[in-house]
Amino acid sequence: MIKVKLWFCLIFIATLTACTGNTTSTSNYALVVQAWRGELLFAHRVIYAVDERGSLLNLNIPQEKELGSYFEWSPDGQWIAHSIINPNPRYISDADIYLIRVHNPKQTVRVTNTLGADGTPTWSPDGSKIAFYAYNEKIRNNAIYLLDVKCILLSKDCSQESTFLAEGVNPDWSPDGKKIVYQGGYGAAHRGIYVVDVQNPSEPIKIGECDGSPQWSPDGKKIISFCKGTIQIIDPNGDNIVKYAIDGLNPKWSPDGKKIAFIGMETLDSHLGKPLDIEGNILSTALFIMDANGTNITRITKSNEETIRWFTWIATDSLKVK
């Protein structure tokens, strides 16, 4: 009789687990996605979070009216750096970098004031600095800047000046905070991936020709980027290039380095590629995930009528469930 009851309980538990499906995520990480939905002329922006299986998560994240583009959480999960159009903009692309408090979105601080659209802020591993790019009138190209934000995060009345680092865009810090990888400035003469020493920035090193949004792996041993229908992984010194024939954009490592997420198109799923604007220039895309070795590619966002504009990985333990 005891064995029968035990067997019944095991069956009940297995059935309950199967029925719950993907409603609960056991992962410590999630992906926050920003997308445009509907025909672009009448499109609306949405921001939502999914786990590695594509299940929607109810996390405490600022919404589309509060959150701009290129958003990135601070290492402690308390602040978000993002690029947003200024109030009363001087021109259509007048955007600067702002810091927003995750659990109090009304607490926001503008930290740059430059011409052009400042973009892709990225936090140093200790959370004391951000790197970003902005237009530099002197070199007539975009440039990478560093900004110390310790004073700002302590809510002190202070004014910090950004420091020029190198000519380029889309910076990303190495895990030890000593170097930054970035994409060369616009124009054929600057194309490529570069690594620069933060303390000695006078001699950036070019490590590759493929220049699509490079990012350091969590262990600091690899750099990932995209180029011409491939996702590429390379050593920080330019050796050992590995190419995956995947038409994916903006690849990003998961915080544990086991997965890679990227924006995929109709080459990966025939349901995608739907025109979202009148001229047919904006097509629907989706977020995909794969193992770090390029296998087990899985689509995780569901809509065939949205285009992914930006996404980032976050640690869910730093965010409270609503």
C-alpha atoms as a PDB file:
ATOM      1  CA  MET A   1       0.000   0.000   0.000  1.00  0.00           C
ATOM      2  CA  ILE A   2       2.850   2.430   0.871  1.00  0.00           C
ATOM      3  CA  LYS A   3       4.523   1.734  -2.487  1.00  0.00           C
ATOM      4  CA  VAL A   4       1.220   2.393  -4.313  1.00  0.00           C
ATOM      5  CA  LYS A   5       0.763   5.723  -2.536  1.00  0.00           C
ATOM      6  CA  LEU A   6       4.370   6.722  -3.277  1.00  0.00           C
ATOM      7  CA  TRP A   7       3.959   5.848  -6.953  1.00  0.00           C
ATOM      8  CA  PHE A   8       0.712   7.856  -7.092  1.00  0.00           C
ATOM      9  CA  CYS A   9       2.440  10.876  -5.559  1.00  0.00           C
ATOM     10  CA  LEU A  10       5.291  10.694  -8.053  1.00  0.00           C
ATOM     11  CA  ILE A  11       2.825  10.557 -10.942  1.00  0.00           C
ATOM     12  CA  PHE A  12       0.904  13.520  -9.492  1.00  0.00           C
ATOM     13  CA  ILE A  13       4.070  15.625  -9.142  1.00  0.00           C
ATOM     14  CA  ALA A  14       5.195  14.784 -12.683  1.00  0.00           C
ATOM     15  CA  THR A  15       1.755  15.671 -14.056  1.00  0.00           C
ATOM     16  CA  LEU A  16       1.675  18.944 -12.156  1.00  0.00           C
ATOM     17  CA  THR A  17       5.121  19.887 -13.467  1.00  0.00           C
ATOM     18  CA  ALA A  18       4.109  19.104 -17.041  1.00  0.00           C
ATOM     19  CA  CYS A  19       0.914  21.118 -16.755  1.00  0.00           C
ATOM     20  CA  THR A  20       2.649  24.216 -15.463  1.00  0.00           C
ATOM     21  CA  GLY A  21       4.788  24.367 -18.629  1.00  0.00           C
ATOM     22  CA  ASN A  22       6.801  27.582 -18.983  1.00  0.00           C
ATOM     23  CA  THR A  23       4.854  29.718 -16.544  1.00  0.00           C
ATOM     24  CA  THR A  24       7.743  29.806 -14.058  1.00  0.00           C
ATOM     25  CA  SER A  25      11.370  30.481 -14.903  1.00  0.00           C
ATOM     26  CA  THR A  26      14.151  28.840 -12.913  1.00  0.00           C
ATOM     27  CA  SER A  27      16.855  30.822 -14.706  1.00  0.00           C
ATOM     28  CA  ASN A  28      18.792  33.562 -12.939  1.00  0.00           C
ATOM     29  CA  TYR A  29      18.857  35.572 -16.155  1.00  0.00           C
ATOM     30  CA  ALA A  30      16.332  37.168 -18.447  1.00  0.00           C
ATOM     31  CA  LEU A  31      16.270  39.197 -21.648  1.00  0.00           C
ATOM     32  CA  VAL A  32      14.648  42.616 -21.774  1.00  0.00           C
ATOM     33  CA  VAL A  33      13.455  43.349 -25.297  1.00  0.00           C
ATOM     34  CA  GLN A  34      12.496  46.617 -26.963  1.00  0.00           C
ATOM     35  CA  ALA A  35      10.463  46.270 -30.165  1.00  0.00           C
ATOM     36  CA  TRP A  36       8.288  48.191 -32.598  1.00  0.00           C
ATOM     37  CA  ARG A  37       4.974  46.558 -33.427  1.00  0.00           C
ATOM     38  CA  GLY A  38       2.510  47.160 -36.252  1.00  0.00           C
ATOM     39  CA  GLU A  39       3.066  49.092 -39.455  1.00  0.00           C
ATOM     40  CA  LEU A  40       5.776  51.612 -38.795  1.00  0.00           C
ATOM     41  CA  LEU A  41       3.621  54.578 -39.780  1.00  0.00           C
ATOM     42  CA  PHE A  42       1.336  53.771 -36.839  1.00  0.00           C
ATOM     43  CA  ALA A  43       3.779  51.647 -34.813  1.00  0.00           C
ATOM     44  CA  HIS A  44       3.950  51.540 -31.056  1.00  0.00           C
ATOM     45  CA  ARG A  45       6.951  50.621 -28.944  1.00  0.00           C
ATOM     46  CA  VAL A  46       6.837  47.804 -26.422  1.00  0.00           C
ATOM     47  CA  ILE A  47       9.276  46.646 -23.753  1.00  0.00           C
ATOM     48  CA  TYR A  48       8.997  43.215 -22.191  1.00  0.00           C
ATOM     49  CA  ALA A  49      11.093  40.505 -20.535  1.00  0.00           C
ATOM     50  CA  VAL A  50      11.431  36.829 -21.444  1.00  0.00           C
ATOM     51  CA  ASP A  51      13.431  33.955 -20.026  1.00  0.00           C
ATOM     52  CA  GLU A  52      15.697  31.664 -22.053  1.00  0.00           C
ATOM     53  CA  ARG A  53      12.685  29.579 -23.129  1.00  0.00           C
ATOM     54  CA  GLY A  54      10.673  32.560 -24.342  1.00  0.00           C
ATOM     55  CA  SER A  55       8.233  32.672 -21.420  1.00  0.00           C
ATOM     56  CA  LEU A  56       7.083  36.181 -20.525  1.00  0.00           C
ATOM     57  CA  LEU A  57       8.305  37.398 -17.143  1.00  0.00           C
ATOM     58  CA  ASN A  58       6.599  39.930 -14.920  1.00  0.00           C
ATOM     59  CA  LEU A  59       9.619  41.933 -13.809  1.00  0.00           C
ATOM     60  CA  ASN A  60       9.960  45.389 -12.343  1.00  0.00           C
ATOM     61  CA  ILE A  61      11.265  47.245 -15.394  1.00  0.00           C
ATOM     62  CA  PRO A  62      10.580  50.812 -16.571  1.00  0.00           C
ATOM     63  CA  GLN A  63       8.165  50.946 -19.485  1.00  0.00           C
ATOM     64  CA  GLU A  64       8.317  52.447 -22.957  1.00  0.00           C
ATOM     65  CA  LYS A  65       7.337  55.959 -21.856  1.00  0.00           C
ATOM     66  CA  GLU A  66      10.275  55.998 -19.424  1.00  0.00           C
ATOM     67  CA  LEU A  67      12.960  53.961 -21.141  1.00  0.00           C
ATOM     68  CA  GLY A  68      14.883  55.165 -24.183  1.00  0.00           C
ATOM     69  CA  SER A  69      17.211  53.241 -26.490  1.00  0.00           C
ATOM     70  CA  TYR A  70      20.410  51.277 -25.805  1.00  0.00           C
ATOM     71  CA  PHE A  71      19.434  50.610 -22.194  1.00  0.00           C
ATOM     72  CA  GLU A  72      21.848  48.746 -19.926  1.00  0.00           C
ATOM     73  CA  TRP A  73      21.476  47.817 -16.241  1.00  0.00           C
ATOM     74  CA  SER A  74      24.235  48.723 -13.804  1.00  0.00           C
ATOM     75  CA  PRO A  75      26.147  45.772 -12.277  1.00  0.00           C
ATOM     76  CA  ASP A  76      24.152  46.074  -9.039  1.00  0.00           C
ATOM     77  CA  GLY A  77      20.845  46.238 -10.936  1.00  0.00           C
ATOM     78  CA  GLN A  78      19.842  49.562  -9.347  1.00  0.00           C
ATOM     79  CA  TRP A  79      20.342  51.951 -12.276  1.00  0.00           C
ATOM     80  CA  ILE A  80      19.836  51.939 -16.035  1.00  0.00           C
ATOM     81  CA  ALA A  81      21.920  53.958 -18.462  1.00  0.00           C
ATOM     82  CA  HIS A  82      20.014  54.740 -21.642  1.00  0.00           C
ATOM     83  CA  SER A  83      19.895  57.134 -24.584  1.00  0.00           C
ATOM     84  CA  ILE A  84      16.740  59.206 -24.910  1.00  0.00           C
ATOM     85  CA  ILE A  85      15.536  62.225 -26.882  1.00  0.00           C
ATOM     86  CA  ASN A  86      15.823  65.338 -24.745  1.00  0.00           C
ATOM     87  CA  PRO A  87      12.831  67.375 -23.607  1.00  0.00           C
ATOM     88  CA  ASN A  88      12.418  70.290 -26.037  1.00  0.00           C
ATOM     89  CA  PRO A  89      15.033  68.823 -28.428  1.00  0.00           C
ATOM     90  CA  ARG A  90      17.143  71.191 -30.462  1.00  0.00           C
ATOM     91  CA  TYR A  91      16.757  68.938 -33.517  1.00  0.00           C
ATOM     92  CA  ILE A  92      15.167  65.589 -34.367  1.00  0.00           C
ATOM     93  CA  SER A  93      18.045  63.390 -33.157  1.00  0.00           C
ATOM     94  CA  ASP A  94      18.993  65.420 -30.090  1.00  0.00           C
ATOM     95  CA  ALA A  95      19.550  62.541 -27.633  1.00  0.00           C
ATOM     96  CA  ASP A  96      21.746  62.268 -24.554  1.00  0.00           C
ATOM     97  CA  ILE A  97      22.646  59.646 -21.970  1.00  0.00           C
ATOM     98  CA  TYR A  98      20.485  59.541 -18.850  1.00  0.00           C
ATOM     99  CA  LEU A  99      20.611  57.410 -15.717  1.00  0.00           C
ATOM    100  CA  ILE A 100      17.304  56.164 -14.364  1.00  0.00           C
ATOM    101  CA  ARG A 101      16.650  54.518 -10.988  1.00  0.00           C
ATOM    102  CA  VAL A 102      15.144  51.060 -11.593  1.00  0.00           C
ATOM    103  CA  HIS A 103      12.737  51.097  -8.650  1.00  0.00           C
ATOM    104  CA  ASN A 104      11.894  54.789  -8.968  1.00  0.00           C
ATOM    105  CA  PRO A 105      11.756  55.696 -12.684  1.00  0.00           C
ATOM    106  CA  LYS A 106      10.939  59.316 -11.828  1.00  0.00           C
ATOM    107  CA  GLN A 107      14.464  59.609 -10.443  1.00  0.00           C
ATOM    108  CA  THR A 108      16.439  60.294 -13.597  1.00  0.00           C
ATOM    109  CA  VAL A 109      19.664  62.212 -14.197  1.00  0.00           C
ATOM    110  CA  ARG A 110      20.997  63.596 -17.468  1.00  0.00           C
ATOM    111  CA  VAL A 111      24.734  62.897 -17.663  1.00  0.00           C
ATOM    112  CA  THR A 112      25.722  64.126 -21.152  1.00  0.00           C
ATOM    113  CA  ASN A 113      25.015  67.270 -23.139  1.00  0.00           C
ATOM    114  CA  THR A 114      26.545  66.955 -26.578  1.00  0.00           C
ATOM    115  CA  LEU A 115      25.574  67.433 -30.196  1.00  0.00           C
ATOM    116  CA  GLY A 116      24.092  64.453 -32.004  1.00  0.00           C
ATOM    117  CA  ALA A 117      22.588  61.256 -30.678  1.00  0.00           C
ATOM    118  CA  ASP A 118      24.735  59.807 -27.903  1.00  0.00           C
ATOM    119  CA  GLY A 119      24.479  56.014 -27.860  1.00  0.00           C
ATOM    120  CA  THR A 120      25.201  52.549 -26.451  1.00  0.00           C
ATOM    121  CA  PRO A 121      26.180  53.369 -22.860  1.00  0.00           C
ATOM    122  CA  THR A 122      27.961  50.472 -21.159  1.00  0.00           C
ATOM    123  CA  TRP A 123      28.849  50.164 -17.464  1.00  0.00           C
ATOM    124  CA  SER A 124      32.299  49.432 -16.112  1.00  0.00           C
ATOM    125  CA  PRO A 125      32.344  46.173 -14.111  1.00  0.00           C
ATOM    126  CA  ASP A 126      32.516  48.055 -10.800  1.00  0.00           C
ATOM    127  CA  GLY A 127      29.634  50.337 -11.785  1.00  0.00           C
ATOM    128  CA  SER A 128      31.638  53.537 -11.300  1.00  0.00           C
ATOM    129  CA  LYS A 129      31.905  54.603 -14.960  1.00  0.00           C
ATOM    130  CA  ILE A 130      30.055  54.401 -18.234  1.00  0.00           C
ATOM    131  CA  ALA A 131      31.466  54.381 -21.746  1.00  0.00           C
ATOM    132  CA  PHE A 132      29.386  55.681 -24.646  1.00  0.00           C
ATOM    133  CA  TYR A 133      29.771  57.222 -28.072  1.00  0.00           C
ATOM    134  CA  ALA A 134      28.935  60.716 -29.263  1.00  0.00           C
ATOM    135  CA  TYR A 135      29.722  62.883 -32.271  1.00  0.00           C
ATOM    136  CA  ASN A 136      33.040  64.712 -32.070  1.00  0.00           C
ATOM    137  CA  GLU A 137      33.134  67.918 -34.093  1.00  0.00           C
ATOM    138  CA  LYS A 138      36.933  68.093 -34.115  1.00  0.00           C
ATOM    139  CA  ILE A 139      37.424  64.739 -35.862  1.00  0.00           C
ATOM    140  CA  ARG A 140      34.045  64.916 -37.646  1.00  0.00           C
ATOM    141  CA  ASN A 141      33.236  61.390 -36.595  1.00  0.00           C
ATOM    142  CA  ASN A 142      31.815  59.510 -33.633  1.00  0.00           C
ATOM    143  CA  ALA A 143      34.067  58.899 -30.655  1.00  0.00           C
ATOM    144  CA  ILE A 144      34.128  56.781 -27.498  1.00  0.00           C
ATOM    145  CA  TYR A 145      33.971  58.681 -24.216  1.00  0.00           C
ATOM    146  CA  LEU A 146      34.320  57.708 -20.564  1.00  0.00           C
ATOM    147  CA  LEU A 147      32.325  59.291 -17.755  1.00  0.00           C
ATOM    148  CA  ASP A 148      32.797  58.779 -14.014  1.00  0.00           C
ATOM    149  CA  VAL A 149      29.322  58.511 -12.445  1.00  0.00           C
ATOM    150  CA  LYS A 150      30.175  57.705  -8.807  1.00  0.00           C
ATOM    151  CA  CYS A 151      29.294  61.221  -7.691  1.00  0.00           C
ATOM    152  CA  ILE A 152      26.013  61.151  -9.606  1.00  0.00           C
ATOM    153  CA  LEU A 153      24.943  57.809  -8.128  1.00  0.00           C
ATOM    154  CA  LEU A 154      25.517  59.203  -4.638  1.00  0.00           C
ATOM    155  CA  SER A 155      23.007  61.991  -5.457  1.00  0.00           C
ATOM    156  CA  LYS A 156      25.626  64.684  -4.934  1.00  0.00           C
ATOM    157  CA  ASP A 157      25.527  68.028  -6.712  1.00  0.00           C
ATOM    158  CA  CYS A 158      28.441  67.544  -9.059  1.00  0.00           C
ATOM    159  CA  SER A 159      29.422  68.139 -12.656  1.00  0.00           C
ATOM    160  CA  GLN A 160      31.529  65.531 -14.419  1.00  0.00           C
ATOM    161  CA  GLU A 161      33.288  65.938 -17.750  1.00  0.00           C
ATOM    162  CA  SER A 162      33.501  63.097 -20.245  1.00  0.00           C
ATOM    163  CA  THR A 163      36.955  61.933 -21.340  1.00  0.00           C
ATOM    164  CA  PHE A 164      37.753  61.194 -24.984  1.00  0.00           C
ATOM    165  CA  LEU A 165      39.035  57.645 -25.439  1.00  0.00           C
ATOM    166  CA  ALA A 166      39.083  56.706 -29.129  1.00  0.00           C
ATOM    167  CA  GLU A 167      37.380  57.257 -32.459  1.00  0.00           C
ATOM    168  CA  GLY A 168      34.527  54.767 -32.842  1.00  0.00           C
ATOM    169  CA  VAL A 169      31.133  53.527 -31.662  1.00  0.00           C
ATOM    170  CA  ASN A 170      29.502  50.704 -29.669  1.00  0.00           C
ATOM    171  CA  PRO A 171      31.975  50.267 -26.776  1.00  0.00           C
ATOM    172  CA  ASP A 172      32.032  47.323 -24.359  1.00  0.00           C
ATOM    173  CA  TRP A 173      34.166  46.895 -21.222  1.00  0.00           C
ATOM    174  CA  SER A 174      36.392  43.919 -20.568  1.00  0.00           C
ATOM    175  CA  PRO A 175      35.353  42.028 -17.413  1.00  0.00           C
ATOM    176  CA  ASP A 176      38.423  43.297 -15.531  1.00  0.00           C
ATOM    177  CA  GLY A 177      37.626  46.910 -16.460  1.00  0.00           C
ATOM    178  CA  LYS A 178      41.059  47.514 -18.009  1.00  0.00           C
ATOM    179  CA  LYS A 179      40.155  47.535 -21.714  1.00  0.00           C
ATOM    180  CA  ILE A 180      37.321  48.440 -24.055  1.00  0.00           C
ATOM    181  CA  VAL A 181      36.445  46.797 -27.348  1.00  0.00           C
ATOM    182  CA  TYR A 182      34.632  48.925 -29.901  1.00  0.00           C
ATOM    183  CA  GLN A 183      33.591  49.278 -33.499  1.00  0.00           C
ATOM    184  CA  GLY A 184      35.627  51.665 -35.634  1.00  0.00           C
ATOM    185  CA  GLY A 185      34.115  55.019 -36.566  1.00  0.00           C
ATOM    186  CA  TYR A 186      31.925  55.315 -39.613  1.00  0.00           C
ATOM    187  CA  GLY A 187      33.683  55.207 -42.980  1.00  0.00           C
ATOM    188  CA  ALA A 188      35.745  52.567 -44.764  1.00  0.00           C
ATOM    189  CA  ALA A 189      39.023  53.900 -43.379  1.00  0.00           C
ATOM    190  CA  HIS A 190      37.934  53.151 -39.816  1.00  0.00           C
ATOM    191  CA  ARG A 191      36.094  49.867 -40.308  1.00  0.00           C
ATOM    192  CA  GLY A 192      37.005  47.029 -37.959  1.00  0.00           C
ATOM    193  CA  ILE A 193      37.091  45.914 -34.332  1.00  0.00           C
ATOM    194  CA  TYR A 194      39.515  47.651 -31.983  1.00  0.00           C
ATOM    195  CA  VAL A 195      40.698  47.096 -28.427  1.00  0.00           C
ATOM    196  CA  VAL A 196      42.010  50.000 -26.373  1.00  0.00           C
ATOM    197  CA  ASP A 197      43.659  50.114 -22.957  1.00  0.00           C
ATOM    198  CA  VAL A 198      41.661  52.470 -20.730  1.00  0.00           C
ATOM    199  CA  GLN A 199      44.805  53.745 -18.952  1.00  0.00           C
ATOM    200  CA  ASN A 200      46.864  54.014 -22.148  1.00  0.00           C
ATOM    201  CA  PRO A 201      44.422  54.817 -24.963  1.00  0.00           C
ATOM    202  CA  SER A 202      46.902  56.348 -27.407  1.00  0.00           C
ATOM    203  CA  GLU A 203      47.457  53.111 -29.347  1.00  0.00           C
ATOM    204  CA  PRO A 204      44.253  51.160 -30.040  1.00  0.00           C
ATOM    205  CA  ILE A 205      44.851  47.700 -31.529  1.00  0.00           C
ATOM    206  CA  LYS A 206      42.830  46.524 -34.507  1.00  0.00           C
ATOM    207  CA  ILE A 207      41.923  42.858 -34.018  1.00  0.00           C
ATOM    208  CA  GLY A 208      39.476  42.179 -36.853  1.00  0.00           C
ATOM    209  CA  GLU A 209      37.670  43.453 -39.923  1.00  0.00           C
ATOM    210  CA  CYS A 210      34.193  42.381 -38.846  1.00  0.00           C
ATOM    211  CA  ASP A 211      32.848  45.353 -36.934  1.00  0.00           C
ATOM    212  CA  GLY A 212      29.246  44.698 -35.881  1.00  0.00           C
ATOM    213  CA  SER A 213      28.687  45.626 -32.204  1.00  0.00           C
ATOM    214  CA  PRO A 214      31.555  43.704 -30.529  1.00  0.00           C
ATOM    215  CA  GLN A 215      31.099  42.371 -26.993  1.00  0.00           C
ATOM    216  CA  TRP A 216      33.463  40.761 -24.511  1.00  0.00           C
ATOM    217  CA  SER A 217      32.672  37.303 -23.137  1.00  0.00           C
ATOM    218  CA  PRO A 218      32.052  37.156 -19.363  1.00  0.00           C
ATOM    219  CA  ASP A 219      35.371  35.361 -18.789  1.00  0.00           C
ATOM    220  CA  GLY A 220      37.287  37.912 -20.871  1.00  0.00           C
ATOM    221  CA  LYS A 221      38.715  35.288 -23.236  1.00  0.00           C
ATOM    222  CA  LYS A 222      36.635  35.981 -26.362  1.00  0.00           C
ATOM    223  CA  ILE A 223      34.977  38.799 -28.301  1.00  0.00           C
ATOM    224  CA  ILE A 224      31.819  38.302 -30.348  1.00  0.00           C
ATOM    225  CA  SER A 225      30.481  40.395 -33.240  1.00  0.00           C
ATOM    226  CA  PHE A 226      28.504  40.045 -36.481  1.00  0.00           C
ATOM    227  CA  CYS A 227      29.477  40.623 -40.099  1.00  0.00           C
ATOM    228  CA  LYS A 228      28.080  39.754 -43.540  1.00  0.00           C
ATOM    229  CA  GLY A 229      25.745  36.930 -42.577  1.00  0.00           C
ATOM    230  CA  THR A 230      27.981  35.463 -39.871  1.00  0.00           C
ATOM    231  CA  ILE A 231      28.426  35.640 -36.138  1.00  0.00           C
ATOM    232  CA  GLN A 232      32.117  35.672 -35.306  1.00  0.00           C
ATOM    233  CA  ILE A 233      34.075  34.906 -32.140  1.00  0.00           C
ATOM    234  CA  ILE A 234      37.691  35.986 -31.818  1.00  0.00           C
ATOM    235  CA  ASP A 235      40.429  36.182 -29.176  1.00  0.00           C
ATOM    236  CA  PRO A 236      41.122  39.684 -27.796  1.00  0.00           C
ATOM    237  CA  ASN A 237      44.478  39.687 -29.613  1.00  0.00           C
ATOM    238  CA  GLY A 238      42.881  38.849 -32.974  1.00  0.00           C
ATOM    239  CA  ASP A 239      43.711  35.122 -33.045  1.00  0.00           C
ATOM    240  CA  ASN A 240      41.479  32.060 -33.415  1.00  0.00           C
ATOM    241  CA  ILE A 241      38.542  33.393 -35.433  1.00  0.00           C
ATOM    242  CA  VAL A 242      35.466  31.161 -35.322  1.00  0.00           C
ATOM    243  CA  LYS A 243      32.648  31.913 -37.767  1.00  0.00           C
ATOM    244  CA  TYR A 244      29.057  30.698 -37.486  1.00  0.00           C
ATOM    245  CA  ALA A 245      27.082  31.020 -40.716  1.00  0.00           C
ATOM    246  CA  ILE A 246      24.163  32.636 -38.927  1.00  0.00           C
ATOM    247  CA  ASP A 247      22.463  35.771 -40.216  1.00  0.00           C
ATOM    248  CA  GLY A 248      22.157  37.341 -36.775  1.00  0.00           C
ATOM    249  CA  LEU A 249      22.572  40.893 -35.512  1.00  0.00           C
ATOM    250  CA  ASN A 250      23.873  42.284 -32.231  1.00  0.00           C
ATOM    251  CA  PRO A 251      24.939  38.978 -30.600  1.00  0.00           C
ATOM    252  CA  LYS A 252      25.315  39.107 -26.810  1.00  0.00           C
ATOM    253  CA  TRP A 253      26.649  36.574 -24.322  1.00  0.00           C
ATOM    254  CA  SER A 254      24.490  35.525 -21.406  1.00  0.00           C
ATOM    255  CA  PRO A 255      25.999  36.600 -18.066  1.00  0.00           C
ATOM    256  CA  ASP A 256      27.259  33.052 -17.435  1.00  0.00           C
ATOM    257  CA  GLY A 257      28.747  32.775 -20.945  1.00  0.00           C
ATOM    258  CA  LYS A 258      26.783  29.617 -21.799  1.00  0.00           C
ATOM    259  CA  LYS A 259      24.328  31.169 -24.255  1.00  0.00           C
ATOM    260  CA  ILE A 260      24.328  33.767 -27.018  1.00  0.00           C
ATOM    261  CA  ALA A 261      21.244  35.799 -27.906  1.00  0.00           C
ATOM    262  CA  PHE A 262      20.887  37.679 -31.195  1.00  0.00           C
ATOM    263  CA  ILE A 263      18.364  39.304 -33.527  1.00  0.00           C
ATOM    264  CA  GLY A 264      17.387  36.956 -36.350  1.00  0.00           C
ATOM    265  CA  MET A 265      15.541  37.423 -39.608  1.00  0.00           C
ATOM    266  CA  GLU A 266      13.638  35.425 -42.220  1.00  0.00           C
ATOM    267  CA  THR A 267      16.730  33.370 -43.024  1.00  0.00           C
ATOM    268  CA  LEU A 268      16.153  31.637 -39.685  1.00  0.00           C
ATOM    269  CA  ASP A 269      12.354  31.600 -39.706  1.00  0.00           C
ATOM    270  CA  SER A 270      10.225  32.005 -42.826  1.00  0.00           C
ATOM    271  CA  HIS A 271       7.447  33.598 -40.768  1.00  0.00           C
ATOM    272  CA  LEU A 272       9.654  36.662 -40.333  1.00  0.00           C
ATOM    273  CA  GLY A 273      10.571  39.276 -42.920  1.00  0.00           C
ATOM    274  CA  LYS A 274       7.114  40.859 -43.057  1.00  0.00           C
ATOM    275  CA  PRO A 275       7.290  44.532 -44.176  1.00  0.00           C
ATOM    276  CA  LEU A 276       6.379  46.851 -41.327  1.00  0.00           C
ATOM    277  CA  ASP A 277       6.547  50.163 -43.166  1.00  0.00           C
ATOM    278  CA  ILE A 278       4.972  51.469 -46.337  1.00  0.00           C
ATOM    279  CA  GLU A 279       8.182  51.297 -48.356  1.00  0.00           C
ATOM    280  CA  GLY A 280       9.052  47.798 -47.146  1.00  0.00           C
ATOM    281  CA  ASN A 281      12.402  48.822 -45.685  1.00  0.00           C
ATOM    282  CA  ILE A 282      11.639  47.729 -42.124  1.00  0.00           C
ATOM    283  CA  LEU A 283      11.045  43.985 -41.776  1.00  0.00           C
ATOM    284  CA  SER A 284       9.869  41.890 -38.848  1.00  0.00           C
ATOM    285  CA  THR A 285      12.578  40.193 -36.801  1.00  0.00           C
ATOM    286  CA  ALA A 286      12.731  38.051 -33.659  1.00  0.00           C
ATOM    287  CA  LEU A 287      15.088  37.278 -30.827  1.00  0.00           C
ATOM    288  CA  PHE A 288      16.933  33.960 -30.989  1.00  0.00           C
ATOM    289  CA  ILE A 289      19.179  32.143 -28.556  1.00  0.00           C
ATOM    290  CA  MET A 290      21.823  29.453 -29.057  1.00  0.00           C
ATOM    291  CA  ASP A 291      24.502  27.622 -27.116  1.00  0.00           C
ATOM    292  CA  ALA A 292      27.885  29.349 -27.035  1.00  0.00           C
ATOM    293  CA  ASN A 293      29.259  26.767 -29.503  1.00  0.00           C
ATOM    294  CA  GLY A 294      26.710  27.800 -32.152  1.00  0.00           C
ATOM    295  CA  THR A 295      24.296  24.878 -31.716  1.00  0.00           C
ATOM    296  CA  ASN A 296      20.656  24.573 -30.597  1.00  0.00           C
ATOM    297  CA  ILE A 297      19.389  27.768 -32.213  1.00  0.00           C
ATOM    298  CA  THR A 298      15.942  28.546 -30.791  1.00  0.00           C
ATOM    299  CA  ARG A 299      13.543  31.410 -31.434  1.00  0.00           C
ATOM    300  CA  ILE A 300      12.283  32.909 -28.172  1.00  0.00           C
ATOM    301  CA  THR A 301      10.110  35.937 -29.080  1.00  0.00           C
ATOM    302  CA  LYS A 302       6.736  35.064 -30.548  1.00  0.00           C
ATOM    303  CA  SER A 303       5.371  37.911 -32.657  1.00  0.00           C
ATOM    304  CA  ASN A 304       5.783  37.876 -36.444  1.00  0.00           C
ATOM    305  CA  GLU A 305       4.793  41.545 -36.622  1.00  0.00           C
ATOM    306  CA  GLU A 306       7.479  43.309 -34.620  1.00  0.00           C
ATOM    307  CA  THR A 307      11.033  44.351 -35.253  1.00  0.00           C
ATOM    308  CA  ILE A 308      13.521  44.047 -32.389  1.00  0.00           C
ATOM    309  CA  ARG A 309      15.242  47.375 -31.833  1.00  0.00           C
ATOM    310  CA  TRP A 310      17.365  46.549 -28.783  1.00  0.00           C
ATOM    311  CA  PHE A 311      17.765  43.919 -26.092  1.00  0.00           C
ATOM    312  CA  THR A 312      19.959  43.170 -23.116  1.00  0.00           C
ATOM    313  CA  TRP A 313      20.538  40.414 -20.570  1.00  0.00           C
ATOM    314  CA  ILE A 314      19.747  41.096 -16.919  1.00  0.00           C
ATOM    315  CA  ALA A 315      20.067  39.204 -13.646  1.00  0.00           C
ATOM    316  CA  THR A 316      16.544  38.567 -12.377  1.00  0.00           C
ATOM    317  CA  ASP A 317      17.598  38.386  -8.722  1.00  0.00           C
ATOM    318  CA  SER A 318      18.213  42.150  -8.753  1.00  0.00           C
ATOM    319  CA  LEU A 319      14.654  42.882  -9.905  1.00  0.00           C
ATOM    320  CA  LYS A 320      11.533  42.477  -7.830  1.00  0.00           C
ATOM    321  CA  VAL A 321       8.529  40.717  -9.311  1.00  0.00           C
ATOM    322  CA  LYS A 322       5.566  43.083  -9.497  1.00  0.00           C
END
